[in-house]
């Protein structure tokens, strides 16, 4: 398998808010800064897979420290349901990862993406079932 394609959504309130966003975007492919991890609709995650993503990484605020009160908790709930739905199509739950932490300068984002890419590389390509 070639290098896995990882799509990374990151909350602007806990990840890279001190960084130069355009410079970071030039260094990280498939990186999408968002206002809150809780604002990610399941449709966007499914679309990532439909458009060739091998994995989706979501970087949100630490538990108990969400700018929007409970966006990170809502994301955890949504992902639990989404993983069950994707399992019907043989998409492994490991292909979606949620990291709840803080990285104001965005220096850890590439490392999280690389770590996930290695894990996804072990899984290989998605072998989806036909619905």
Protein backbone atom coordinates (compact mmCIF):
# COMPACT_ATOMS: atom_id res chain seq x y z
CA UNK A 1 0.00 0.00 0.00
CA UNK A 2 1.23 3.47 -0.84
CA UNK A 3 1.29 6.04 1.93
CA UNK A 4 -2.24 6.11 3.37
CA UNK A 5 -4.32 9.22 2.79
CA UNK A 6 -5.31 10.67 6.16
CA UNK A 7 -7.82 13.51 6.36
CA UNK A 8 -7.31 15.55 9.53
CA UNK A 9 -9.93 17.83 11.08
CA UNK A 10 -8.63 19.98 13.94
CA UNK A 11 -10.41 22.30 16.35
CA UNK A 12 -9.18 25.88 16.06
CA UNK A 13 -9.63 26.50 19.78
CA UNK A 14 -7.15 23.87 20.96
CA UNK A 15 -5.01 23.04 17.94
CA UNK A 16 -2.77 25.50 16.08
CA UNK A 17 -4.44 28.71 17.21
CA UNK A 18 -1.02 30.34 17.64
CA UNK A 19 0.32 29.00 14.33
CA UNK A 20 0.34 30.62 10.91
CA UNK A 21 -2.58 28.66 9.45
CA UNK A 22 -1.57 29.11 5.80
CA UNK A 23 2.00 27.97 6.49
CA UNK A 24 0.77 24.93 8.41
CA UNK A 25 -1.73 24.11 5.64
CA UNK A 26 1.11 24.15 3.11
CA UNK A 27 3.03 21.61 5.23
CA UNK A 28 0.11 19.28 6.00
CA UNK A 29 -1.96 17.81 3.19
CA UNK A 30 -5.64 17.07 3.79
CA UNK A 31 -5.72 19.20 6.94
CA UNK A 32 -9.01 20.95 7.66
CA UNK A 33 -9.12 23.41 10.58
CA UNK A 34 -12.64 23.66 11.98
CA UNK A 35 -14.38 25.79 14.59
CA UNK A 36 -15.18 22.80 16.87
CA UNK A 37 -14.83 19.03 16.63
CA UNK A 38 -18.47 18.86 17.68
CA UNK A 39 -19.45 20.67 14.49
CA UNK A 40 -18.22 17.84 12.24
CA UNK A 41 -21.23 16.18 10.68
CA UNK A 42 -20.97 12.43 10.08
CA UNK A 43 -21.58 13.19 6.39
CA UNK A 44 -18.18 14.92 6.16
CA UNK A 45 -16.43 11.88 7.60
CA UNK A 46 -18.19 9.51 5.21
CA UNK A 47 -17.40 11.88 2.32
CA UNK A 48 -13.72 11.70 3.25
CA UNK A 49 -13.80 7.92 2.78
CA UNK A 50 -15.85 8.22 -0.43
CA UNK A 51 -13.18 10.57 -1.81
CA UNK A 52 -10.29 8.22 -1.15
CA UNK A 53 -9.31 8.71 2.49
CA UNK A 54 -7.85 5.65 4.17
CA UNK A 55 -8.37 7.21 7.60
CA UNK A 56 -9.81 10.23 9.36
CA UNK A 57 -8.13 11.94 12.29
CA UNK A 58 -10.08 14.37 14.48
CA UNK A 59 -8.20 16.63 16.87
CA UNK A 60 -10.42 18.19 19.52
CA UNK A 61 -10.24 20.00 22.84
CA UNK A 62 -9.36 18.10 26.02
CA UNK A 63 -12.34 16.60 27.83
CA UNK A 64 -14.00 19.16 30.06
CA UNK A 65 -12.34 22.04 28.22
CA UNK A 66 -14.42 22.52 25.06
CA UNK A 67 -14.97 26.13 23.99
CA UNK A 68 -18.50 25.12 22.98
CA UNK A 69 -19.13 23.30 26.30
CA UNK A 70 -19.53 19.71 25.12
CA UNK A 71 -18.53 19.55 21.46
CA UNK A 72 -15.82 17.00 22.14
CA UNK A 73 -18.21 14.77 24.10
CA UNK A 74 -20.79 14.98 21.30
CA UNK A 75 -18.05 14.03 18.84
CA UNK A 76 -17.21 10.92 20.89
CA UNK A 77 -20.89 9.88 20.84
CA UNK A 78 -21.23 10.54 17.12
CA UNK A 79 -18.08 8.56 16.35
CA UNK A 80 -19.28 5.56 18.35
CA UNK A 81 -22.42 5.42 16.21
CA UNK A 82 -20.55 6.12 12.98
CA UNK A 83 -18.04 3.32 13.64
CA UNK A 84 -20.94 0.88 14.01
CA UNK A 85 -22.47 2.07 10.75
CA UNK A 86 -19.17 1.87 8.87
CA UNK A 87 -18.58 -1.67 10.15
CA UNK A 88 -21.52 -2.77 7.97
CA UNK A 89 -19.34 -1.79 5.00
CA UNK A 90 -16.22 -3.47 6.44
CA UNK A 91 -14.57 -0.17 7.31
CA UNK A 92 -12.57 -0.84 10.45
CA UNK A 93 -13.20 1.39 13.49
CA UNK A 94 -9.45 2.13 13.67
CA UNK A 95 -9.78 4.17 10.50
CA UNK A 96 -11.33 6.99 12.55
CA UNK A 97 -9.27 8.36 15.42
CA UNK A 98 -10.13 11.08 17.92
CA UNK A 99 -7.42 12.83 19.91
CA UNK A 100 -8.58 15.17 22.68
CA UNK A 101 -5.63 17.35 23.66
CA UNK A 102 -4.15 20.82 23.14
CA UNK A 103 -1.39 21.94 20.79
CA UNK A 104 -1.53 25.75 20.39
CA UNK A 105 1.33 25.90 17.88
CA UNK A 106 0.22 22.88 15.83
CA UNK A 107 3.65 21.24 16.09
CA UNK A 108 2.21 17.84 17.05
CA UNK A 109 -0.29 17.60 14.19
CA UNK A 110 2.13 16.07 11.63
CA UNK A 111 3.22 13.49 14.21
CA UNK A 112 -0.37 12.46 14.94
CA UNK A 113 -1.03 12.13 11.21
CA UNK A 114 2.14 10.07 10.67
CA UNK A 115 1.33 7.81 13.62
CA UNK A 116 -2.14 7.18 12.24
CA UNK A 117 -0.79 6.60 8.72
CA UNK A 118 1.49 3.86 10.07
CA UNK A 119 -1.42 2.16 11.83
CA UNK A 120 -3.64 2.45 8.75
CA UNK A 121 -0.82 1.09 6.60
CA UNK A 122 -1.00 -2.12 8.63
CA UNK A 123 -4.72 -2.42 7.81
CA UNK A 124 -4.22 -2.01 4.06
CA UNK A 125 -6.80 -0.67 1.65
CA UNK A 126 -10.47 -0.51 2.59
CA UNK A 127 -12.33 -3.57 1.41
CA UNK A 128 -15.88 -2.29 1.37
CA UNK A 129 -18.92 -4.50 0.96
CA UNK A 130 -21.40 -3.65 -1.75
CA UNK A 131 -24.71 -2.44 -0.29
